[in-house]
Amino acid sequence: MGTVEYGAEVLGSPLLVVLGHEKCGAVAAACEVATKNATFPGSIGPMVRPIVPAATAMRGKPGDFVDNTVRESARRTAQRLAVASPVLSKLVRRKLKIVAARYDLDDGKGGVSVRNT
């Protein structure tokens, strides 16, 4: 969070992009947790845990489960950043835009999937 706040507050970045990507292993693992109660060793479980609510929300929706979860996780993270930090909250009210996007590793295409939070 400190790095994000530094970029926005000190360096004056007007845009923060939460970038999900195609074939994300962490998201695929979160989907396994949401559907199969999978568990993962070491630090993998704690890394995946914040993504599980997005996976749970996307379970059973039309389309690709993992890709839907990538987009939903990025959207939720962008929303969370806007309220989790007093520094970012203040900047969002003034000028900072926080958006979620998805990047396609195979062909380099991407796009913003959520507007300003």
PDB file of N, CA and C in Angstrom:
ATOM      1  N   MET A   1       0.833  -1.192   0.000  1.00  0.00           N
ATOM      2  CA  MET A   1       0.000   0.000   0.000  1.00  0.00           C
ATOM      3  C   MET A   1       0.876   1.253   0.000  1.00  0.00           C
ATOM      4  N   GLY A   2       1.977   1.187   0.714  1.00  0.00           N
ATOM      5  CA  GLY A   2       2.870   2.342   0.761  1.00  0.00           C
ATOM      6  C   GLY A   2       3.382   2.737  -0.605  1.00  0.00           C
ATOM      7  N   THR A   3       3.708   1.772  -1.433  1.00  0.00           N
ATOM      8  CA  THR A   3       4.186   2.059  -2.783  1.00  0.00           C
ATOM      9  C   THR A   3       3.107   2.743  -3.609  1.00  0.00           C
ATOM     10  N   VAL A   4       1.886   2.267  -3.492  1.00  0.00           N
ATOM     11  CA  VAL A   4       0.774   2.856  -4.239  1.00  0.00           C
ATOM     12  C   VAL A   4       0.522   4.286  -3.747  1.00  0.00           C
ATOM     13  N   GLU A   5       0.508   4.468  -2.436  1.00  0.00           N
ATOM     14  CA  GLU A   5       0.308   5.813  -1.878  1.00  0.00           C
ATOM     15  C   GLU A   5       1.432   6.760  -2.308  1.00  0.00           C
ATOM     16  N   TYR A   6       2.657   6.267  -2.308  1.00  0.00           N
ATOM     17  CA  TYR A   6       3.790   7.098  -2.712  1.00  0.00           C
ATOM     18  C   TYR A   6       3.624   7.568  -4.159  1.00  0.00           C
ATOM     19  N   GLY A   7       3.264   6.643  -5.028  1.00  0.00           N
ATOM     20  CA  GLY A   7       3.080   7.006  -6.433  1.00  0.00           C
ATOM     21  C   GLY A   7       1.994   8.045  -6.625  1.00  0.00           C
ATOM     22  N   ALA A   8       0.906   7.875  -5.896  1.00  0.00           N
ATOM     23  CA  ALA A   8      -0.225   8.799  -6.052  1.00  0.00           C
ATOM     24  C   ALA A   8       0.019  10.130  -5.351  1.00  0.00           C
ATOM     25  N   GLU A   9       0.457  10.076  -4.116  1.00  0.00           N
ATOM     26  CA  GLU A   9       0.603  11.305  -3.310  1.00  0.00           C
ATOM     27  C   GLU A   9       1.880  12.065  -3.629  1.00  0.00           C
ATOM     28  N   VAL A  10       3.009  11.394  -3.550  1.00  0.00           N
ATOM     29  CA  VAL A  10       4.295  12.076  -3.691  1.00  0.00           C
ATOM     30  C   VAL A  10       4.649  12.337  -5.150  1.00  0.00           C
ATOM     31  N   LEU A  11       4.457  11.328  -5.984  1.00  0.00           N
ATOM     32  CA  LEU A  11       4.805  11.488  -7.396  1.00  0.00           C
ATOM     33  C   LEU A  11       3.682  12.105  -8.220  1.00  0.00           C
ATOM     34  N   GLY A  12       2.487  12.131  -7.662  1.00  0.00           N
ATOM     35  CA  GLY A  12       1.374  12.785  -8.330  1.00  0.00           C
ATOM     36  C   GLY A  12       0.732  12.001  -9.458  1.00  0.00           C
ATOM     37  N   SER A  13       0.856  10.698  -9.436  1.00  0.00           N
ATOM     38  CA  SER A  13       0.224   9.912 -10.492  1.00  0.00           C
ATOM     39  C   SER A  13      -1.284  10.129 -10.464  1.00  0.00           C
ATOM     40  N   PRO A  14      -1.890  10.443 -11.604  1.00  0.00           N
ATOM     41  CA  PRO A  14      -3.333  10.672 -11.642  1.00  0.00           C
ATOM     42  C   PRO A  14      -4.144   9.396 -11.875  1.00  0.00           C
ATOM     43  N   LEU A  15      -3.447   8.279 -12.124  1.00  0.00           N
ATOM     44  CA  LEU A  15      -4.130   7.044 -12.482  1.00  0.00           C
ATOM     45  C   LEU A  15      -3.467   5.850 -11.809  1.00  0.00           C
ATOM     46  N   LEU A  16      -4.297   5.011 -11.228  1.00  0.00           N
ATOM     47  CA  LEU A  16      -3.842   3.747 -10.650  1.00  0.00           C
ATOM     48  C   LEU A  16      -4.607   2.642 -11.361  1.00  0.00           C
ATOM     49  N   VAL A  17      -3.882   1.710 -11.962  1.00  0.00           N
ATOM     50  CA  VAL A  17      -4.499   0.606 -12.698  1.00  0.00           C
ATOM     51  C   VAL A  17      -4.241  -0.693 -11.945  1.00  0.00           C
ATOM     52  N   VAL A  18      -5.323  -1.364 -11.580  1.00  0.00           N
ATOM     53  CA  VAL A  18      -5.235  -2.698 -11.003  1.00  0.00           C
ATOM     54  C   VAL A  18      -5.371  -3.645 -12.186  1.00  0.00           C
ATOM     55  N   LEU A  19      -4.280  -4.330 -12.518  1.00  0.00           N
ATOM     56  CA  LEU A  19      -4.222  -5.097 -13.753  1.00  0.00           C
ATOM     57  C   LEU A  19      -4.265  -6.601 -13.499  1.00  0.00           C
ATOM     58  N   GLY A  20      -5.410  -7.192 -13.820  1.00  0.00           N
ATOM     59  CA  GLY A  20      -5.509  -8.643 -13.819  1.00  0.00           C
ATOM     60  C   GLY A  20      -4.990  -9.151 -15.148  1.00  0.00           C
ATOM     61  N   HIS A  21      -4.659 -10.435 -15.205  1.00  0.00           N
ATOM     62  CA  HIS A  21      -4.161 -10.949 -16.475  1.00  0.00           C
ATOM     63  C   HIS A  21      -4.664 -12.358 -16.750  1.00  0.00           C
ATOM     64  N   GLU A  22      -4.684 -12.665 -18.020  1.00  0.00           N
ATOM     65  CA  GLU A  22      -5.087 -13.976 -18.506  1.00  0.00           C
ATOM     66  C   GLU A  22      -4.215 -15.053 -17.861  1.00  0.00           C
ATOM     67  N   LYS A  23      -4.813 -16.209 -17.610  1.00  0.00           N
ATOM     68  CA  LYS A  23      -4.104 -17.388 -17.111  1.00  0.00           C
ATOM     69  C   LYS A  23      -3.416 -17.144 -15.766  1.00  0.00           C
ATOM     70  N   CYS A  24      -4.026 -16.374 -14.897  1.00  0.00           N
ATOM     71  CA  CYS A  24      -3.437 -16.058 -13.604  1.00  0.00           C
ATOM     72  C   CYS A  24      -3.498 -17.295 -12.693  1.00  0.00           C
ATOM     73  N   GLY A  25      -2.351 -17.753 -12.261  1.00  0.00           N
ATOM     74  CA  GLY A  25      -2.281 -18.928 -11.400  1.00  0.00           C
ATOM     75  C   GLY A  25      -2.928 -18.709 -10.051  1.00  0.00           C
ATOM     76  N   ALA A  26      -2.766 -17.521  -9.482  1.00  0.00           N
ATOM     77  CA  ALA A  26      -3.377 -17.232  -8.178  1.00  0.00           C
ATOM     78  C   ALA A  26      -4.897 -17.259  -8.282  1.00  0.00           C
ATOM     79  N   VAL A  27      -5.423 -16.713  -9.356  1.00  0.00           N
ATOM     80  CA  VAL A  27      -6.872 -16.722  -9.546  1.00  0.00           C
ATOM     81  C   VAL A  27      -7.362 -18.150  -9.792  1.00  0.00           C
ATOM     82  N   ALA A  28      -6.628 -18.915 -10.581  1.00  0.00           N
ATOM     83  CA  ALA A  28      -7.015 -20.314 -10.816  1.00  0.00           C
ATOM     84  C   ALA A  28      -7.029 -21.081  -9.495  1.00  0.00           C
ATOM     85  N   ALA A  29      -6.056 -20.822  -8.630  1.00  0.00           N
ATOM     86  CA  ALA A  29      -6.023 -21.469  -7.318  1.00  0.00           C
ATOM     87  C   ALA A  29      -7.223 -21.041  -6.477  1.00  0.00           C
ATOM     88  N   ALA A  30      -7.568 -19.758  -6.502  1.00  0.00           N
ATOM     89  CA  ALA A  30      -8.731 -19.269  -5.752  1.00  0.00           C
ATOM     90  C   ALA A  30     -10.010 -19.924  -6.256  1.00  0.00           C
ATOM     91  N   CYS A  31     -10.088 -20.161  -7.560  1.00  0.00           N
ATOM     92  CA  CYS A  31     -11.251 -20.838  -8.125  1.00  0.00           C
ATOM     93  C   CYS A  31     -11.338 -22.278  -7.619  1.00  0.00           C
ATOM     94  N   GLU A  32     -10.182 -22.921  -7.461  1.00  0.00           N
ATOM     95  CA  GLU A  32     -10.168 -24.276  -6.906  1.00  0.00           C
ATOM     96  C   GLU A  32     -10.607 -24.275  -5.441  1.00  0.00           C
ATOM     97  N   VAL A  33     -10.212 -23.260  -4.715  1.00  0.00           N
ATOM     98  CA  VAL A  33     -10.661 -23.139  -3.318  1.00  0.00           C
ATOM     99  C   VAL A  33     -12.172 -22.965  -3.280  1.00  0.00           C
ATOM    100  N   ALA A  34     -12.685 -22.107  -4.156  1.00  0.00           N
ATOM    101  CA  ALA A  34     -14.122 -21.800  -4.160  1.00  0.00           C
ATOM    102  C   ALA A  34     -14.977 -22.977  -4.596  1.00  0.00           C
ATOM    103  N   THR A  35     -14.451 -23.834  -5.459  1.00  0.00           N
ATOM    104  CA  THR A  35     -15.263 -24.932  -5.985  1.00  0.00           C
ATOM    105  C   THR A  35     -14.958 -26.284  -5.373  1.00  0.00           C
ATOM    106  N   LYS A  36     -13.717 -26.477  -4.941  1.00  0.00           N
ATOM    107  CA  LYS A  36     -13.301 -27.799  -4.465  1.00  0.00           C
ATOM    108  C   LYS A  36     -12.747 -27.786  -3.044  1.00  0.00           C
ATOM    109  N   ASN A  37     -12.819 -26.631  -2.383  1.00  0.00           N
ATOM    110  CA  ASN A  37     -12.213 -26.481  -1.055  1.00  0.00           C
ATOM    111  C   ASN A  37     -10.742 -26.879  -1.056  1.00  0.00           C
ATOM    112  N   ALA A  38     -10.055 -26.607  -2.150  1.00  0.00           N
ATOM    113  CA  ALA A  38      -8.636 -26.931  -2.263  1.00  0.00           C
ATOM    114  C   ALA A  38      -7.840 -26.161  -1.215  1.00  0.00           C
ATOM    115  N   THR A  39      -6.735 -26.718  -0.817  1.00  0.00           N
ATOM    116  CA  THR A  39      -5.807 -26.036   0.083  1.00  0.00           C
ATOM    117  C   THR A  39      -4.436 -26.051  -0.575  1.00  0.00           C
ATOM    118  N   PHE A  40      -3.627 -25.070  -0.234  1.00  0.00           N
ATOM    119  CA  PHE A  40      -2.302 -24.933  -0.827  1.00  0.00           C
ATOM    120  C   PHE A  40      -1.283 -24.706   0.279  1.00  0.00           C
ATOM    121  N   PRO A  41      -0.075 -25.235   0.111  1.00  0.00           N
ATOM    122  CA  PRO A  41       0.937 -25.155   1.165  1.00  0.00           C
ATOM    123  C   PRO A  41       1.630 -23.796   1.239  1.00  0.00           C
ATOM    124  N   GLY A  42       2.309 -23.594   2.329  1.00  0.00           N
ATOM    125  CA  GLY A  42       3.171 -22.423   2.498  1.00  0.00           C
ATOM    126  C   GLY A  42       2.429 -21.111   2.395  1.00  0.00           C
ATOM    127  N   SER A  43       3.010 -20.204   1.679  1.00  0.00           N
ATOM    128  CA  SER A  43       2.461 -18.856   1.524  1.00  0.00           C
ATOM    129  C   SER A  43       1.421 -18.755   0.410  1.00  0.00           C
ATOM    130  N   ILE A  44       1.170 -19.859  -0.277  1.00  0.00           N
ATOM    131  CA  ILE A  44       0.214 -19.825  -1.389  1.00  0.00           C
ATOM    132  C   ILE A  44      -1.197 -19.547  -0.875  1.00  0.00           C
ATOM    133  N   GLY A  45      -1.596 -20.233   0.189  1.00  0.00           N
ATOM    134  CA  GLY A  45      -2.937 -20.037   0.745  1.00  0.00           C
ATOM    135  C   GLY A  45      -3.228 -18.590   1.113  1.00  0.00           C
ATOM    136  N   PRO A  46      -2.346 -17.951   1.900  1.00  0.00           N
ATOM    137  CA  PRO A  46      -2.587 -16.545   2.241  1.00  0.00           C
ATOM    138  C   PRO A  46      -2.588 -15.612   1.025  1.00  0.00           C
ATOM    139  N   MET A  47      -1.818 -15.955  -0.003  1.00  0.00           N
ATOM    140  CA  MET A  47      -1.806 -15.127  -1.212  1.00  0.00           C
ATOM    141  C   MET A  47      -3.142 -15.236  -1.952  1.00  0.00           C
ATOM    142  N   VAL A  48      -3.715 -16.434  -1.959  1.00  0.00           N
ATOM    143  CA  VAL A  48      -4.940 -16.711  -2.697  1.00  0.00           C
ATOM    144  C   VAL A  48      -6.190 -16.256  -1.939  1.00  0.00           C
ATOM    145  N   ARG A  49      -6.137 -16.275  -0.630  1.00  0.00           N
ATOM    146  CA  ARG A  49      -7.315 -16.004   0.214  1.00  0.00           C
ATOM    147  C   ARG A  49      -8.083 -14.740  -0.167  1.00  0.00           C
ATOM    148  N   PRO A  50      -7.434 -13.599  -0.438  1.00  0.00           N
ATOM    149  CA  PRO A  50      -8.207 -12.395  -0.784  1.00  0.00           C
ATOM    150  C   PRO A  50      -8.949 -12.489  -2.122  1.00  0.00           C
ATOM    151  N   ILE A  51      -8.582 -13.454  -2.963  1.00  0.00           N
ATOM    152  CA  ILE A  51      -9.207 -13.605  -4.270  1.00  0.00           C
ATOM    153  C   ILE A  51     -10.440 -14.507  -4.196  1.00  0.00           C
ATOM    154  N   VAL A  52     -10.516 -15.336  -3.166  1.00  0.00           N
ATOM    155  CA  VAL A  52     -11.596 -16.321  -3.051  1.00  0.00           C
ATOM    156  C   VAL A  52     -12.991 -15.685  -3.086  1.00  0.00           C
ATOM    157  N   PRO A  53     -13.241 -14.553  -2.429  1.00  0.00           N
ATOM    158  CA  PRO A  53     -14.592 -13.956  -2.536  1.00  0.00           C
ATOM    159  C   PRO A  53     -14.985 -13.615  -3.975  1.00  0.00           C
ATOM    160  N   ALA A  54     -14.041 -13.166  -4.775  1.00  0.00           N
ATOM    161  CA  ALA A  54     -14.344 -12.883  -6.185  1.00  0.00           C
ATOM    162  C   ALA A  54     -14.676 -14.180  -6.912  1.00  0.00           C
ATOM    163  N   ALA A  55     -13.927 -15.240  -6.618  1.00  0.00           N
ATOM    164  CA  ALA A  55     -14.198 -16.541  -7.245  1.00  0.00           C
ATOM    165  C   ALA A  55     -15.567 -17.065  -6.836  1.00  0.00           C
ATOM    166  N   THR A  56     -15.887 -16.938  -5.572  1.00  0.00           N
ATOM    167  CA  THR A  56     -17.188 -17.387  -5.080  1.00  0.00           C
ATOM    168  C   THR A  56     -18.312 -16.628  -5.784  1.00  0.00           C
ATOM    169  N   ALA A  57     -18.127 -15.329  -5.980  1.00  0.00           N
ATOM    170  CA  ALA A  57     -19.143 -14.506  -6.640  1.00  0.00           C
ATOM    171  C   ALA A  57     -19.308 -14.874  -8.114  1.00  0.00           C
ATOM    172  N   MET A  58     -18.267 -15.365  -8.744  1.00  0.00           N
ATOM    173  CA  MET A  58     -18.308 -15.675 -10.180  1.00  0.00           C
ATOM    174  C   MET A  58     -18.680 -17.127 -10.464  1.00  0.00           C
ATOM    175  N   ARG A  59     -18.694 -17.958  -9.444  1.00  0.00           N
ATOM    176  CA  ARG A  59     -19.027 -19.376  -9.638  1.00  0.00           C
ATOM    177  C   ARG A  59     -20.425 -19.495 -10.250  1.00  0.00           C
ATOM    178  N   GLY A  60     -20.538 -20.249 -11.323  1.00  0.00           N
ATOM    179  CA  GLY A  60     -21.829 -20.482 -11.971  1.00  0.00           C
ATOM    180  C   GLY A  60     -22.264 -19.404 -12.948  1.00  0.00           C
ATOM    181  N   LYS A  61     -21.496 -18.344 -13.096  1.00  0.00           N
ATOM    182  CA  LYS A  61     -21.847 -17.280 -14.046  1.00  0.00           C
ATOM    183  C   LYS A  61     -21.489 -17.713 -15.468  1.00  0.00           C
ATOM    184  N   PRO A  62     -22.177 -17.171 -16.475  1.00  0.00           N
ATOM    185  CA  PRO A  62     -21.825 -17.497 -17.861  1.00  0.00           C
ATOM    186  C   PRO A  62     -20.403 -17.048 -18.181  1.00  0.00           C
ATOM    187  N   GLY A  63     -19.752 -17.770 -19.069  1.00  0.00           N
ATOM    188  CA  GLY A  63     -18.396 -17.423 -19.467  1.00  0.00           C
ATOM    189  C   GLY A  63     -17.362 -18.251 -18.743  1.00  0.00           C
ATOM    190  N   ASP A  64     -16.121 -17.914 -18.975  1.00  0.00           N
ATOM    191  CA  ASP A  64     -15.001 -18.639 -18.382  1.00  0.00           C
ATOM    192  C   ASP A  64     -14.836 -18.254 -16.908  1.00  0.00           C
ATOM    193  N   PHE A  65     -14.897 -19.239 -16.039  1.00  0.00           N
ATOM    194  CA  PHE A  65     -14.851 -19.008 -14.595  1.00  0.00           C
ATOM    195  C   PHE A  65     -13.580 -18.269 -14.164  1.00  0.00           C
ATOM    196  N   VAL A  66     -12.427 -18.732 -14.618  1.00  0.00           N
ATOM    197  CA  VAL A  66     -11.167 -18.099 -14.207  1.00  0.00           C
ATOM    198  C   VAL A  66     -11.083 -16.682 -14.760  1.00  0.00           C
ATOM    199  N   ASP A  67     -11.415 -16.487 -16.023  1.00  0.00           N
ATOM    200  CA  ASP A  67     -11.345 -15.149 -16.600  1.00  0.00           C
ATOM    201  C   ASP A  67     -12.335 -14.197 -15.929  1.00  0.00           C
ATOM    202  N   ASN A  68     -13.542 -14.667 -15.668  1.00  0.00           N
ATOM    203  CA  ASN A  68     -14.519 -13.842 -14.944  1.00  0.00           C
ATOM    204  C   ASN A  68     -13.969 -13.445 -13.578  1.00  0.00           C
ATOM    205  N   THR A  69     -13.286 -14.381 -12.920  1.00  0.00           N
ATOM    206  CA  THR A  69     -12.733 -14.102 -11.594  1.00  0.00           C
ATOM    207  C   THR A  69     -11.572 -13.132 -11.672  1.00  0.00           C
ATOM    208  N   VAL A  70     -10.749 -13.221 -12.717  1.00  0.00           N
ATOM    209  CA  VAL A  70      -9.669 -12.242 -12.912  1.00  0.00           C
ATOM    210  C   VAL A  70     -10.263 -10.837 -12.948  1.00  0.00           C
ATOM    211  N   ARG A  71     -11.297 -10.658 -13.740  1.00  0.00           N
ATOM    212  CA  ARG A  71     -11.930  -9.339 -13.888  1.00  0.00           C
ATOM    213  C   ARG A  71     -12.580  -8.876 -12.576  1.00  0.00           C
ATOM    214  N   GLU A  72     -13.267  -9.788 -11.924  1.00  0.00           N
ATOM    215  CA  GLU A  72     -13.958  -9.438 -10.678  1.00  0.00           C
ATOM    216  C   GLU A  72     -12.965  -9.125  -9.565  1.00  0.00           C
ATOM    217  N   SER A  73     -11.891  -9.870  -9.494  1.00  0.00           N
ATOM    218  CA  SER A  73     -10.878  -9.607  -8.476  1.00  0.00           C
ATOM    219  C   SER A  73     -10.234  -8.238  -8.687  1.00  0.00           C
ATOM    220  N   ALA A  74      -9.910  -7.915  -9.933  1.00  0.00           N
ATOM    221  CA  ALA A  74      -9.337  -6.593 -10.225  1.00  0.00           C
ATOM    222  C   ALA A  74     -10.320  -5.488  -9.861  1.00  0.00           C
ATOM    223  N   ARG A  75     -11.594  -5.697 -10.196  1.00  0.00           N
ATOM    224  CA  ARG A  75     -12.625  -4.699  -9.878  1.00  0.00           C
ATOM    225  C   ARG A  75     -12.733  -4.498  -8.364  1.00  0.00           C
ATOM    226  N   ARG A  76     -12.778  -5.590  -7.632  1.00  0.00           N
ATOM    227  CA  ARG A  76     -12.895  -5.498  -6.176  1.00  0.00           C
ATOM    228  C   ARG A  76     -11.665  -4.861  -5.553  1.00  0.00           C
ATOM    229  N   THR A  77     -10.498  -5.191  -6.074  1.00  0.00           N
ATOM    230  CA  THR A  77      -9.268  -4.601  -5.548  1.00  0.00           C
ATOM    231  C   THR A  77      -9.236  -3.106  -5.797  1.00  0.00           C
ATOM    232  N   ALA A  78      -9.653  -2.675  -6.977  1.00  0.00           N
ATOM    233  CA  ALA A  78      -9.705  -1.240  -7.279  1.00  0.00           C
ATOM    234  C   ALA A  78     -10.655  -0.529  -6.325  1.00  0.00           C
ATOM    235  N   GLN A  79     -11.807  -1.118  -6.092  1.00  0.00           N
ATOM    236  CA  GLN A  79     -12.762  -0.514  -5.149  1.00  0.00           C
ATOM    237  C   GLN A  79     -12.192  -0.451  -3.738  1.00  0.00           C
ATOM    238  N   ARG A  80     -11.542  -1.543  -3.336  1.00  0.00           N
ATOM    239  CA  ARG A  80     -10.989  -1.623  -1.982  1.00  0.00           C
ATOM    240  C   ARG A  80      -9.885  -0.580  -1.772  1.00  0.00           C
ATOM    241  N   LEU A  81      -9.041  -0.394  -2.767  1.00  0.00           N
ATOM    242  CA  LEU A  81      -7.964   0.588  -2.650  1.00  0.00           C
ATOM    243  C   LEU A  81      -8.504   1.992  -2.420  1.00  0.00           C
ATOM    244  N   ALA A  82      -9.609   2.293  -3.057  1.00  0.00           N
ATOM    245  CA  ALA A  82     -10.183   3.640  -2.957  1.00  0.00           C
ATOM    246  C   ALA A  82     -10.678   3.954  -1.555  1.00  0.00           C
ATOM    247  N   VAL A  83     -10.939   2.940  -0.755  1.00  0.00           N
ATOM    248  CA  VAL A  83     -11.455   3.197   0.601  1.00  0.00           C
ATOM    249  C   VAL A  83     -10.530   2.694   1.701  1.00  0.00           C
ATOM    250  N   ALA A  84      -9.591   1.820   1.372  1.00  0.00           N
ATOM    251  CA  ALA A  84      -8.730   1.215   2.393  1.00  0.00           C
ATOM    252  C   ALA A  84      -7.659   2.165   2.894  1.00  0.00           C
ATOM    253  N   SER A  85      -7.320   3.148   2.121  1.00  0.00           N
ATOM    254  CA  SER A  85      -6.254   4.078   2.467  1.00  0.00           C
ATOM    255  C   SER A  85      -6.808   5.497   2.561  1.00  0.00           C
ATOM    256  N   PRO A  86      -6.626   6.151   3.702  1.00  0.00           N
ATOM    257  CA  PRO A  86      -7.049   7.555   3.795  1.00  0.00           C
ATOM    258  C   PRO A  86      -6.357   8.444   2.763  1.00  0.00           C
ATOM    259  N   VAL A  87      -5.102   8.135   2.458  1.00  0.00           N
ATOM    260  CA  VAL A  87      -4.369   8.920   1.460  1.00  0.00           C
ATOM    261  C   VAL A  87      -5.034   8.790   0.092  1.00  0.00           C
ATOM    262  N   LEU A  88      -5.323   7.545  -0.316  1.00  0.00           N
ATOM    263  CA  LEU A  88      -5.947   7.336  -1.623  1.00  0.00           C
ATOM    264  C   LEU A  88      -7.378   7.856  -1.653  1.00  0.00           C
ATOM    265  N   SER A  89      -8.107   7.668  -0.563  1.00  0.00           N
ATOM    266  CA  SER A  89      -9.484   8.178  -0.504  1.00  0.00           C
ATOM    267  C   SER A  89      -9.534   9.675  -0.746  1.00  0.00           C
ATOM    268  N   LYS A  90      -8.625  10.383  -0.109  1.00  0.00           N
ATOM    269  CA  LYS A  90      -8.556  11.841  -0.280  1.00  0.00           C
ATOM    270  C   LYS A  90      -8.238  12.193  -1.732  1.00  0.00           C
ATOM    271  N   LEU A  91      -7.300  11.475  -2.323  1.00  0.00           N
ATOM    272  CA  LEU A  91      -6.903  11.761  -3.703  1.00  0.00           C
ATOM    273  C   LEU A  91      -7.992  11.401  -4.704  1.00  0.00           C
ATOM    274  N   VAL A  92      -8.760  10.346  -4.433  1.00  0.00           N
ATOM    275  CA  VAL A  92      -9.865   9.971  -5.325  1.00  0.00           C
ATOM    276  C   VAL A  92     -10.904  11.088  -5.366  1.00  0.00           C
ATOM    277  N   ARG A  93     -11.138  11.724  -4.241  1.00  0.00           N
ATOM    278  CA  ARG A  93     -12.102  12.829  -4.211  1.00  0.00           C
ATOM    279  C   ARG A  93     -11.594  14.029  -5.008  1.00  0.00           C
ATOM    280  N   ARG A  94     -10.307  14.141  -5.162  1.00  0.00           N
ATOM    281  CA  ARG A  94      -9.726  15.278  -5.868  1.00  0.00           C
ATOM    282  C   ARG A  94      -9.447  14.990  -7.343  1.00  0.00           C
ATOM    283  N   LYS A  95      -8.584  13.991  -7.603  1.00  0.00           N
ATOM    284  CA  LYS A  95      -8.118  13.819  -8.989  1.00  0.00           C
ATOM    285  C   LYS A  95      -7.751  12.392  -9.362  1.00  0.00           C
ATOM    286  N   LEU A  96      -7.468  11.552  -8.409  1.00  0.00           N
ATOM    287  CA  LEU A  96      -6.970  10.209  -8.708  1.00  0.00           C
ATOM    288  C   LEU A  96      -8.080   9.316  -9.250  1.00  0.00           C
ATOM    289  N   LYS A  97      -7.789   8.628 -10.325  1.00  0.00           N
ATOM    290  CA  LYS A  97      -8.699   7.616 -10.864  1.00  0.00           C
ATOM    291  C   LYS A  97      -8.083   6.253 -10.578  1.00  0.00           C
ATOM    292  N   ILE A  98      -8.892   5.355 -10.068  1.00  0.00           N
ATOM    293  CA  ILE A  98      -8.461   3.972  -9.853  1.00  0.00           C
ATOM    294  C   ILE A  98      -9.350   3.118 -10.731  1.00  0.00           C
ATOM    295  N   VAL A  99      -8.729   2.366 -11.637  1.00  0.00           N
ATOM    296  CA  VAL A  99      -9.481   1.539 -12.568  1.00  0.00           C
ATOM    297  C   VAL A  99      -8.965   0.108 -12.525  1.00  0.00           C
ATOM    298  N   ALA A 100      -9.831  -0.809 -12.902  1.00  0.00           N
ATOM    299  CA  ALA A 100      -9.450  -2.206 -13.050  1.00  0.00           C
ATOM    300  C   ALA A 100      -9.357  -2.511 -14.535  1.00  0.00           C
ATOM    301  N   ALA A 101      -8.424  -3.364 -14.887  1.00  0.00           N
ATOM    302  CA  ALA A 101      -8.249  -3.752 -16.279  1.00  0.00           C
ATOM    303  C   ALA A 101      -7.784  -5.201 -16.338  1.00  0.00           C
ATOM    304  N   ARG A 102      -7.828  -5.757 -17.523  1.00  0.00           N
ATOM    305  CA  ARG A 102      -7.377  -7.132 -17.742  1.00  0.00           C
ATOM    306  C   ARG A 102      -6.450  -7.144 -18.939  1.00  0.00           C
ATOM    307  N   TYR A 103      -5.348  -7.884 -18.825  1.00  0.00           N
ATOM    308  CA  TYR A 103      -4.346  -7.973 -19.874  1.00  0.00           C
ATOM    309  C   TYR A 103      -4.305  -9.389 -20.428  1.00  0.00           C
ATOM    310  N   ASP A 104      -4.241  -9.507 -21.740  1.00  0.00           N
ATOM    311  CA  ASP A 104      -4.174 -10.801 -22.407  1.00  0.00           C
ATOM    312  C   ASP A 104      -2.712 -11.129 -22.699  1.00  0.00           C
ATOM    313  N   LEU A 105      -2.175 -12.125 -22.032  1.00  0.00           N
ATOM    314  CA  LEU A 105      -0.771 -12.481 -22.200  1.00  0.00           C
ATOM    315  C   LEU A 105      -0.457 -13.016 -23.598  1.00  0.00           C
ATOM    316  N   ASP A 106      -1.414 -13.698 -24.214  1.00  0.00           N
ATOM    317  CA  ASP A 106      -1.168 -14.309 -25.517  1.00  0.00           C
ATOM    318  C   ASP A 106      -0.983 -13.300 -26.636  1.00  0.00           C
ATOM    319  N   ASP A 107      -1.788 -12.248 -26.640  1.00  0.00           N
ATOM    320  CA  ASP A 107      -1.698 -11.310 -27.759  1.00  0.00           C
ATOM    321  C   ASP A 107      -1.438  -9.869 -27.339  1.00  0.00           C
ATOM    322  N   GLY A 108      -1.252  -9.641 -26.057  1.00  0.00           N
ATOM    323  CA  GLY A 108      -0.931  -8.300 -25.588  1.00  0.00           C
ATOM    324  C   GLY A 108      -2.096  -7.348 -25.533  1.00  0.00           C
ATOM    325  N   LYS A 109      -3.295  -7.840 -25.792  1.00  0.00           N
ATOM    326  CA  LYS A 109      -4.461  -6.967 -25.743  1.00  0.00           C
ATOM    327  C   LYS A 109      -4.931  -6.824 -24.307  1.00  0.00           C
ATOM    328  N   GLY A 110      -5.519  -5.730 -24.038  1.00  0.00           N
ATOM    329  CA  GLY A 110      -6.058  -5.491 -22.713  1.00  0.00           C
ATOM    330  C   GLY A 110      -7.137  -4.453 -22.802  1.00  0.00           C
ATOM    331  N   GLY A 111      -7.712  -4.169 -21.675  1.00  0.00           N
ATOM    332  CA  GLY A 111      -8.724  -3.146 -21.680  1.00  0.00           C
ATOM    333  C   GLY A 111      -9.203  -2.844 -20.283  1.00  0.00           C
ATOM    334  N   VAL A 112      -9.695  -1.663 -20.129  1.00  0.00           N
ATOM    335  CA  VAL A 112     -10.251  -1.260 -18.856  1.00  0.00           C
ATOM    336  C   VAL A 112     -11.613  -1.938 -18.725  1.00  0.00           C
ATOM    337  N   SER A 113     -11.804  -2.625 -17.616  1.00  0.00           N
ATOM    338  CA  SER A 113     -13.071  -3.330 -17.427  1.00  0.00           C
ATOM    339  C   SER A 113     -13.962  -2.638 -16.415  1.00  0.00           C
ATOM    340  N   VAL A 114     -13.434  -1.637 -15.747  1.00  0.00           N
ATOM    341  CA  VAL A 114     -14.229  -0.913 -14.749  1.00  0.00           C
ATOM    342  C   VAL A 114     -13.848   0.550 -14.835  1.00  0.00           C
ATOM    343  N   ARG A 115     -14.825   1.396 -14.727  1.00  0.00           N
ATOM    344  CA  ARG A 115     -14.549   2.832 -14.752  1.00  0.00           C
ATOM    345  C   ARG A 115     -14.046   3.308 -13.394  1.00  0.00           C
ATOM    346  N   ASN A 116     -13.751   4.586 -13.304  1.00  0.00           N
ATOM    347  CA  ASN A 116     -13.257   5.196 -12.078  1.00  0.00           C
ATOM    348  C   ASN A 116     -14.085   4.756 -10.862  1.00  0.00           C
ATOM    349  N   THR A 117     -13.386   4.444  -9.780  1.00  0.00           N
ATOM    350  CA  THR A 117     -14.070   4.041  -8.552  1.00  0.00           C
ATOM    351  C   THR A 117     -14.494   5.266  -7.760  1.00  0.00           C
TER     352      THR A 117
END
